Amino acid sequence: MEIIVLERTKELGNALALLLVTFGLKGIPVCSRAEAMDALQHYPDIQCGIIDIDNKSTEGLEFIADIRGNDLYKDIKIIIHTAQKINKIESTLIQLGVLGSIFKPFEETRTLHQLKKILSSIYFFGAEKRSHIRIRPEPDEIARVHFLIKYYPHLIYGKILDISMGGMALDLLKSPPAAYVKEGISIPQLLFTLDCKQISASGIIKLVRGKLIVIHFHPLQNNAKTAIARYIFKRISAE
């Protein structure tokens, strides 16, 4: 799922796009009304927008009016980013069909909480329909993981085939006996490296097919969540 992010600077747009990765969503940062309209043509899967309505150079309100008057884009859901008091512009927002608001100044934890509350009300963000962005490491990238499981005394090593905010698929370098690696087995600590950063997480084995295993992460700690999100954001931004 893709969300257009119209902000006055690329840096702020990238910061918001990075937060979106943690929800399994891809942000498309742009800095002007013209760039935003161009992005709609290049990214047909855009279903939502985060729009700065305060900065004149971005022409955020004008962009919202543009899409509301266009049959191709009129159903895109809109979240505004503003420092204004909502009661002063409420009638305008109602007319434009704005879904919700996040408030300036940008502050990662607070903004993340505001986004979570709004996105959870959007139909495509339901847990039963949520699909994480999955990234395959580059062929020459060292993306290894190792872990221990209960009753098996040796470290298990694997190569990361793909990774998302929700888990990873691994190719085991050497398979332990099948009696030890089974679906439903918990892994208290997975240690792996992405972009030269060591990351620790825990999870549960959801699928075993020979040397291929799929692991779903347990809720990630903030350091791990940020590191994985930055890795994914870096890769999708380079596409």
C-alpha atoms as a PDB file:
ATOM      1  CA  MET A   1       0.000   0.000   0.000  1.00  0.00           C
ATOM      2  CA  GLU A   2       1.305   3.449  -0.935  1.00  0.00           C
ATOM      3  CA  ILE A   3       0.682   6.822   0.697  1.00  0.00           C
ATOM      4  CA  ILE A   4       1.665  10.149  -0.839  1.00  0.00           C
ATOM      5  CA  VAL A   5       3.396  12.456   1.665  1.00  0.00           C
ATOM      6  CA  LEU A   6       3.274  16.141   0.690  1.00  0.00           C
ATOM      7  CA  GLU A   7       5.591  18.144   2.974  1.00  0.00           C
ATOM      8  CA  ARG A   8       7.569  21.360   2.627  1.00  0.00           C
ATOM      9  CA  THR A   9      10.933  19.559   2.840  1.00  0.00           C
ATOM     10  CA  LYS A  10      12.188  16.198   1.635  1.00  0.00           C
ATOM     11  CA  GLU A  11      13.652  15.550   5.094  1.00  0.00           C
ATOM     12  CA  LEU A  12      10.280  15.822   6.817  1.00  0.00           C
ATOM     13  CA  GLY A  13       8.628  13.776   4.084  1.00  0.00           C
ATOM     14  CA  ASN A  14      11.245  11.059   4.512  1.00  0.00           C
ATOM     15  CA  ALA A  15      10.766  11.079   8.304  1.00  0.00           C
ATOM     16  CA  LEU A  16       7.034  10.479   7.905  1.00  0.00           C
ATOM     17  CA  ALA A  17       7.621   7.850   5.218  1.00  0.00           C
ATOM     18  CA  LEU A  18       9.944   6.040   7.618  1.00  0.00           C
ATOM     19  CA  LEU A  19       7.168   5.910  10.231  1.00  0.00           C
ATOM     20  CA  LEU A  20       4.797   4.490   7.608  1.00  0.00           C
ATOM     21  CA  VAL A  21       7.157   1.577   6.999  1.00  0.00           C
ATOM     22  CA  THR A  22       6.484   0.393  10.557  1.00  0.00           C
ATOM     23  CA  PHE A  23       2.827  -0.085   9.520  1.00  0.00           C
ATOM     24  CA  GLY A  24       3.804  -1.989   6.374  1.00  0.00           C
ATOM     25  CA  LEU A  25       3.027   1.022   4.173  1.00  0.00           C
ATOM     26  CA  LYS A  26       5.172   2.769   1.559  1.00  0.00           C
ATOM     27  CA  GLY A  27       5.361   6.561   1.708  1.00  0.00           C
ATOM     28  CA  ILE A  28       6.001   8.605  -1.461  1.00  0.00           C
ATOM     29  CA  PRO A  29       7.566  11.937  -0.323  1.00  0.00           C
ATOM     30  CA  VAL A  30       6.946  14.999  -2.509  1.00  0.00           C
ATOM     31  CA  CYS A  31       7.421  18.723  -1.870  1.00  0.00           C
ATOM     32  CA  SER A  32       4.936  20.487  -4.124  1.00  0.00           C
ATOM     33  CA  ARG A  33       1.460  20.286  -5.603  1.00  0.00           C
ATOM     34  CA  ALA A  34       2.926  19.619  -9.058  1.00  0.00           C
ATOM     35  CA  GLU A  35       5.147  16.786  -7.774  1.00  0.00           C
ATOM     36  CA  ALA A  36       2.163  15.322  -5.961  1.00  0.00           C
ATOM     37  CA  MET A  37       0.006  15.232  -9.092  1.00  0.00           C
ATOM     38  CA  ASP A  38       2.870  13.665 -11.009  1.00  0.00           C
ATOM     39  CA  ALA A  39       3.294  11.002  -8.296  1.00  0.00           C
ATOM     40  CA  LEU A  40      -0.389  10.031  -8.580  1.00  0.00           C
ATOM     41  CA  GLN A  41       0.194   9.122 -12.208  1.00  0.00           C
ATOM     42  CA  HIS A  42       3.351   7.117 -11.507  1.00  0.00           C
ATOM     43  CA  TYR A  43       2.083   5.251  -8.423  1.00  0.00           C
ATOM     44  CA  PRO A  44      -1.408   3.888  -9.186  1.00  0.00           C
ATOM     45  CA  ASP A  45      -1.628   2.085  -5.821  1.00  0.00           C
ATOM     46  CA  ILE A  46      -1.754   5.337  -3.809  1.00  0.00           C
ATOM     47  CA  GLN A  47      -4.867   5.198  -1.623  1.00  0.00           C
ATOM     48  CA  CYS A  48      -4.083   7.794   1.004  1.00  0.00           C
ATOM     49  CA  GLY A  49      -2.236  11.085   1.454  1.00  0.00           C
ATOM     50  CA  ILE A  50      -0.560  12.928   4.325  1.00  0.00           C
ATOM     51  CA  ILE A  51      -0.735  16.583   3.365  1.00  0.00           C
ATOM     52  CA  ASP A  52       0.887  19.683   4.917  1.00  0.00           C
ATOM     53  CA  ILE A  53      -1.785  22.368   4.656  1.00  0.00           C
ATOM     54  CA  ASP A  54       0.142  25.162   6.393  1.00  0.00           C
ATOM     55  CA  ASN A  55       3.001  25.879   4.001  1.00  0.00           C
ATOM     56  CA  LYS A  56       2.076  28.010   0.989  1.00  0.00           C
ATOM     57  CA  SER A  57       4.794  26.517  -1.195  1.00  0.00           C
ATOM     58  CA  THR A  58       3.312  23.020  -0.962  1.00  0.00           C
ATOM     59  CA  GLU A  59      -0.222  24.206  -1.853  1.00  0.00           C
ATOM     60  CA  GLY A  60      -1.649  21.396   0.244  1.00  0.00           C
ATOM     61  CA  LEU A  61      -5.263  22.572   0.345  1.00  0.00           C
ATOM     62  CA  GLU A  62      -5.183  23.212  -3.388  1.00  0.00           C
ATOM     63  CA  PHE A  63      -3.851  19.702  -3.975  1.00  0.00           C
ATOM     64  CA  ILE A  64      -6.665  18.202  -1.886  1.00  0.00           C
ATOM     65  CA  ALA A  65      -9.175  20.212  -3.922  1.00  0.00           C
ATOM     66  CA  ASP A  66      -7.530  18.922  -7.117  1.00  0.00           C
ATOM     67  CA  ILE A  67      -7.999  15.275  -6.208  1.00  0.00           C
ATOM     68  CA  ARG A  68     -11.516  15.763  -4.852  1.00  0.00           C
ATOM     69  CA  GLY A  69     -12.452  17.218  -8.235  1.00  0.00           C
ATOM     70  CA  ASN A  70     -10.884  14.373 -10.206  1.00  0.00           C
ATOM     71  CA  ASP A  71     -12.880  11.152 -10.677  1.00  0.00           C
ATOM     72  CA  LEU A  72      -9.651   9.115 -10.790  1.00  0.00           C
ATOM     73  CA  TYR A  73      -8.459  10.283  -7.366  1.00  0.00           C
ATOM     74  CA  LYS A  74     -11.508  11.540  -5.490  1.00  0.00           C
ATOM     75  CA  ASP A  75     -11.637   8.477  -3.200  1.00  0.00           C
ATOM     76  CA  ILE A  76      -8.060   8.897  -1.893  1.00  0.00           C
ATOM     77  CA  LYS A  77      -8.191   9.256   1.875  1.00  0.00           C
ATOM     78  CA  ILE A  78      -6.582  12.393   3.288  1.00  0.00           C
ATOM     79  CA  ILE A  79      -4.727  13.004   6.557  1.00  0.00           C
ATOM     80  CA  ILE A  80      -3.652  16.594   7.141  1.00  0.00           C
ATOM     81  CA  HIS A  81      -0.463  17.718   8.878  1.00  0.00           C
ATOM     82  CA  THR A  82      -0.968  21.060  10.553  1.00  0.00           C
ATOM     83  CA  ALA A  83      -0.200  23.384  13.451  1.00  0.00           C
ATOM     84  CA  GLN A  84      -3.627  25.017  13.197  1.00  0.00           C
ATOM     85  CA  LYS A  85      -6.456  24.545  15.662  1.00  0.00           C
ATOM     86  CA  ILE A  86      -8.963  22.251  14.047  1.00  0.00           C
ATOM     87  CA  ASN A  87     -12.017  24.187  15.266  1.00  0.00           C
ATOM     88  CA  LYS A  88     -10.900  27.158  13.138  1.00  0.00           C
ATOM     89  CA  ILE A  89     -10.748  25.169   9.887  1.00  0.00           C
ATOM     90  CA  GLU A  90     -13.245  22.397  10.668  1.00  0.00           C
ATOM     91  CA  SER A  91     -15.803  23.380   8.045  1.00  0.00           C
ATOM     92  CA  THR A  92     -13.135  23.438   5.328  1.00  0.00           C
ATOM     93  CA  LEU A  93     -11.861  19.996   6.340  1.00  0.00           C
ATOM     94  CA  ILE A  94     -15.370  18.546   6.340  1.00  0.00           C
ATOM     95  CA  GLN A  95     -15.995  19.908   2.850  1.00  0.00           C
ATOM     96  CA  LEU A  96     -12.740  18.333   1.631  1.00  0.00           C
ATOM     97  CA  GLY A  97     -13.499  14.966   3.252  1.00  0.00           C
ATOM     98  CA  VAL A  98     -10.431  14.896   5.483  1.00  0.00           C
ATOM     99  CA  LEU A  99     -10.070  11.644   7.435  1.00  0.00           C
ATOM    100  CA  GLY A 100      -7.932  12.896  10.330  1.00  0.00           C
ATOM    101  CA  SER A 101      -5.123  15.156  11.489  1.00  0.00           C
ATOM    102  CA  ILE A 102      -1.586  14.844  12.794  1.00  0.00           C
ATOM    103  CA  PHE A 103      -0.170  17.881  14.513  1.00  0.00           C
ATOM    104  CA  LYS A 104       3.069  19.818  14.321  1.00  0.00           C
ATOM    105  CA  PRO A 105       5.778  19.929  15.384  1.00  0.00           C
ATOM    106  CA  PHE A 106       6.862  16.502  14.163  1.00  0.00           C
ATOM    107  CA  GLU A 107       7.961  14.366  17.102  1.00  0.00           C
ATOM    108  CA  GLU A 108       8.553  10.714  16.313  1.00  0.00           C
ATOM    109  CA  THR A 109       6.783   9.015  19.234  1.00  0.00           C
ATOM    110  CA  ARG A 110       3.817  11.398  19.339  1.00  0.00           C
ATOM    111  CA  THR A 111       3.381  11.478  15.567  1.00  0.00           C
ATOM    112  CA  LEU A 112       3.631   7.684  15.395  1.00  0.00           C
ATOM    113  CA  HIS A 113       0.831   7.401  17.962  1.00  0.00           C
ATOM    114  CA  GLN A 114      -1.353   9.861  16.036  1.00  0.00           C
ATOM    115  CA  LEU A 115      -0.788   8.004  12.771  1.00  0.00           C
ATOM    116  CA  LYS A 116      -1.566   4.644  14.353  1.00  0.00           C
ATOM    117  CA  LYS A 117      -4.879   5.926  15.670  1.00  0.00           C
ATOM    118  CA  ILE A 118      -5.912   7.314  12.282  1.00  0.00           C
ATOM    119  CA  LEU A 119      -4.641   4.458  10.119  1.00  0.00           C
ATOM    120  CA  SER A 120      -6.338   1.861  12.292  1.00  0.00           C
ATOM    121  CA  SER A 121      -9.663   3.324  11.188  1.00  0.00           C
ATOM    122  CA  ILE A 122      -8.908   2.899   7.489  1.00  0.00           C
ATOM    123  CA  TYR A 123     -10.317  -0.260   5.923  1.00  0.00           C
ATOM    124  CA  PHE A 124      -7.060  -1.400   4.334  1.00  0.00           C
ATOM    125  CA  PHE A 125      -5.230  -1.227   7.668  1.00  0.00           C
ATOM    126  CA  GLY A 126      -7.262  -3.953   9.381  1.00  0.00           C
ATOM    127  CA  ALA A 127      -5.018  -6.647  10.873  1.00  0.00           C
ATOM    128  CA  GLU A 128      -6.701  -9.328   8.797  1.00  0.00           C
ATOM    129  CA  LYS A 129      -5.819  -7.485   5.579  1.00  0.00           C
ATOM    130  CA  ARG A 130      -2.471  -6.017   6.506  1.00  0.00           C
ATOM    131  CA  SER A 131       0.438  -6.910   4.248  1.00  0.00           C
ATOM    132  CA  HIS A 132       3.991  -5.967   5.192  1.00  0.00           C
ATOM    133  CA  ILE A 133       6.528  -4.684   2.712  1.00  0.00           C
ATOM    134  CA  ARG A 134       8.967  -7.544   2.163  1.00  0.00           C
ATOM    135  CA  ILE A 135      12.566  -6.834   1.137  1.00  0.00           C
ATOM    136  CA  ARG A 136      15.111  -9.255  -0.301  1.00  0.00           C
ATOM    137  CA  PRO A 137      18.719  -8.467   0.668  1.00  0.00           C
ATOM    138  CA  GLU A 138      21.070  -7.721  -2.210  1.00  0.00           C
ATOM    139  CA  PRO A 139      22.923 -10.793  -3.583  1.00  0.00           C
ATOM    140  CA  ASP A 140      26.271  -9.512  -2.277  1.00  0.00           C
ATOM    141  CA  GLU A 141      24.869  -8.427   1.092  1.00  0.00           C
ATOM    142  CA  ILE A 142      25.835 -10.341   4.219  1.00  0.00           C
ATOM    143  CA  ALA A 143      22.436 -10.929   5.822  1.00  0.00           C
ATOM    144  CA  ARG A 144      22.936 -13.742   8.303  1.00  0.00           C
ATOM    145  CA  VAL A 145      20.984 -14.751  11.384  1.00  0.00           C
ATOM    146  CA  HIS A 146      21.679 -17.130  14.241  1.00  0.00           C
ATOM    147  CA  PHE A 147      19.595 -18.358  17.151  1.00  0.00           C
ATOM    148  CA  LEU A 148      19.067 -21.082  19.720  1.00  0.00           C
ATOM    149  CA  ILE A 149      15.948 -23.151  20.261  1.00  0.00           C
ATOM    150  CA  LYS A 150      14.860 -25.151  23.266  1.00  0.00           C
ATOM    151  CA  TYR A 151      16.455 -28.582  23.763  1.00  0.00           C
ATOM    152  CA  TYR A 152      18.897 -28.159  20.863  1.00  0.00           C
ATOM    153  CA  PRO A 153      22.380 -27.344  22.218  1.00  0.00           C
ATOM    154  CA  HIS A 154      23.938 -25.760  19.102  1.00  0.00           C
ATOM    155  CA  LEU A 155      23.546 -22.402  17.394  1.00  0.00           C
ATOM    156  CA  ILE A 156      21.461 -22.527  14.228  1.00  0.00           C
ATOM    157  CA  TYR A 157      22.648 -20.348  11.346  1.00  0.00           C
ATOM    158  CA  GLY A 158      20.727 -19.115   8.337  1.00  0.00           C
ATOM    159  CA  LYS A 159      20.715 -16.676   5.447  1.00  0.00           C
ATOM    160  CA  ILE A 160      17.912 -14.088   5.301  1.00  0.00           C
ATOM    161  CA  LEU A 161      15.893 -14.561   2.105  1.00  0.00           C
ATOM    162  CA  ASP A 162      13.509 -11.714   2.825  1.00  0.00           C
ATOM    163  CA  ILE A 163      12.520  -9.552   5.768  1.00  0.00           C
ATOM    164  CA  SER A 164       9.626  -7.301   6.753  1.00  0.00           C
ATOM    165  CA  MET A 165       8.389  -5.573   9.894  1.00  0.00           C
ATOM    166  CA  GLY A 166       6.461  -8.767  10.609  1.00  0.00           C
ATOM    167  CA  GLY A 167       9.107 -11.436  10.191  1.00  0.00           C
ATOM    168  CA  MET A 168      11.641 -13.110   7.923  1.00  0.00           C
ATOM    169  CA  ALA A 169      12.195 -16.108   5.682  1.00  0.00           C
ATOM    170  CA  LEU A 170      15.459 -18.001   6.140  1.00  0.00           C
ATOM    171  CA  ASP A 171      17.530 -20.547   4.286  1.00  0.00           C
ATOM    172  CA  LEU A 172      19.194 -22.614   7.003  1.00  0.00           C
ATOM    173  CA  LEU A 173      22.888 -23.212   6.349  1.00  0.00           C
ATOM    174  CA  LYS A 174      22.710 -26.534   8.137  1.00  0.00           C
ATOM    175  CA  SER A 175      19.436 -28.055   9.206  1.00  0.00           C
ATOM    176  CA  PRO A 176      19.185 -29.454  12.733  1.00  0.00           C
ATOM    177  CA  PRO A 177      17.092 -32.603  13.205  1.00  0.00           C
ATOM    178  CA  ALA A 178      13.464 -32.042  12.228  1.00  0.00           C
ATOM    179  CA  ALA A 179      12.335 -32.893  15.744  1.00  0.00           C
ATOM    180  CA  TYR A 180      13.790 -29.593  16.968  1.00  0.00           C
ATOM    181  CA  VAL A 181      12.786 -27.133  14.217  1.00  0.00           C
ATOM    182  CA  LYS A 182       9.009 -27.321  13.985  1.00  0.00           C
ATOM    183  CA  GLU A 183       6.126 -24.969  13.329  1.00  0.00           C
ATOM    184  CA  GLY A 184       5.000 -23.309  16.553  1.00  0.00           C
ATOM    185  CA  ILE A 185       8.434 -23.359  18.219  1.00  0.00           C
ATOM    186  CA  SER A 186       9.315 -20.062  19.915  1.00  0.00           C
ATOM    187  CA  ILE A 187      12.707 -18.424  19.408  1.00  0.00           C
ATOM    188  CA  PRO A 188      13.595 -16.230  22.394  1.00  0.00           C
ATOM    189  CA  GLN A 189      16.407 -14.383  20.593  1.00  0.00           C
ATOM    190  CA  LEU A 190      17.248 -13.957  16.923  1.00  0.00           C
ATOM    191  CA  LEU A 191      20.486 -12.103  16.243  1.00  0.00           C
ATOM    192  CA  PHE A 192      21.062 -10.710  12.773  1.00  0.00           C
ATOM    193  CA  THR A 193      22.824  -7.892  10.957  1.00  0.00           C
ATOM    194  CA  LEU A 194      21.382  -5.380   8.482  1.00  0.00           C
ATOM    195  CA  ASP A 195      23.406  -2.468   7.112  1.00  0.00           C
ATOM    196  CA  CYS A 196      26.206  -3.335   9.550  1.00  0.00           C
ATOM    197  CA  LYS A 197      23.824  -2.968  12.520  1.00  0.00           C
ATOM    198  CA  GLN A 198      23.244  -5.924  14.835  1.00  0.00           C
ATOM    199  CA  ILE A 199      19.587  -6.436  15.647  1.00  0.00           C
ATOM    200  CA  SER A 200      17.943  -8.608  18.271  1.00  0.00           C
ATOM    201  CA  ALA A 201      14.367  -9.884  18.063  1.00  0.00           C
ATOM    202  CA  SER A 202      12.256 -12.829  19.153  1.00  0.00           C
ATOM    203  CA  GLY A 203       9.670 -14.792  17.233  1.00  0.00           C
ATOM    204  CA  ILE A 204       7.903 -18.027  16.421  1.00  0.00           C
ATOM    205  CA  ILE A 205       8.427 -20.511  13.584  1.00  0.00           C
ATOM    206  CA  LYS A 206       5.367 -20.438  11.329  1.00  0.00           C
ATOM    207  CA  LEU A 207       6.490 -22.593   8.399  1.00  0.00           C
ATOM    208  CA  VAL A 208       9.134 -25.274   7.806  1.00  0.00           C
ATOM    209  CA  ARG A 209       9.927 -26.655   4.360  1.00  0.00           C
ATOM    210  CA  GLY A 210      13.249 -28.468   4.503  1.00  0.00           C
ATOM    211  CA  LYS A 211      15.914 -25.786   4.948  1.00  0.00           C
ATOM    212  CA  LEU A 212      13.387 -22.992   4.376  1.00  0.00           C
ATOM    213  CA  ILE A 213      11.740 -21.595   7.505  1.00  0.00           C
ATOM    214  CA  VAL A 214       9.460 -18.615   8.021  1.00  0.00           C
ATOM    215  CA  ILE A 215       9.567 -16.764  11.331  1.00  0.00           C
ATOM    216  CA  HIS A 216       7.033 -14.233  12.579  1.00  0.00           C
ATOM    217  CA  PHE A 217       8.436 -11.640  14.959  1.00  0.00           C
ATOM    218  CA  HIS A 218       7.007 -11.066  18.389  1.00  0.00           C
ATOM    219  CA  PRO A 219       6.358  -7.337  19.067  1.00  0.00           C
ATOM    220  CA  LEU A 220       9.639  -5.590  18.302  1.00  0.00           C
ATOM    221  CA  GLN A 221      11.538  -3.408  20.736  1.00  0.00           C
ATOM    222  CA  ASN A 222      11.990   0.198  19.601  1.00  0.00           C
ATOM    223  CA  ASN A 223      15.653  -0.225  18.588  1.00  0.00           C
ATOM    224  CA  ALA A 224      14.904  -3.270  16.444  1.00  0.00           C
ATOM    225  CA  LYS A 225      11.774  -1.693  14.960  1.00  0.00           C
ATOM    226  CA  THR A 226      13.674   1.451  13.976  1.00  0.00           C
ATOM    227  CA  ALA A 227      16.623  -0.464  12.488  1.00  0.00           C
ATOM    228  CA  ILE A 228      14.418  -2.735  10.358  1.00  0.00           C
ATOM    229  CA  ALA A 229      12.216   0.181   9.270  1.00  0.00           C
ATOM    230  CA  ARG A 230      15.271   2.206   8.206  1.00  0.00           C
ATOM    231  CA  TYR A 231      16.617  -0.762   6.242  1.00  0.00           C
ATOM    232  CA  ILE A 232      13.311  -1.275   4.429  1.00  0.00           C
ATOM    233  CA  PHE A 233      12.862   2.453   3.802  1.00  0.00           C
ATOM    234  CA  LYS A 234      16.373   2.744   2.367  1.00  0.00           C
ATOM    235  CA  ARG A 235      15.710  -0.124  -0.036  1.00  0.00           C
ATOM    236  CA  ILE A 236      12.270   0.982  -1.233  1.00  0.00           C
ATOM    237  CA  SER A 237      13.468   4.581  -1.634  1.00  0.00           C
ATOM    238  CA  ALA A 238      16.149   3.365  -4.017  1.00  0.00           C
ATOM    239  CA  GLU A 239      13.625   1.663  -6.304  1.00  0.00           C
END
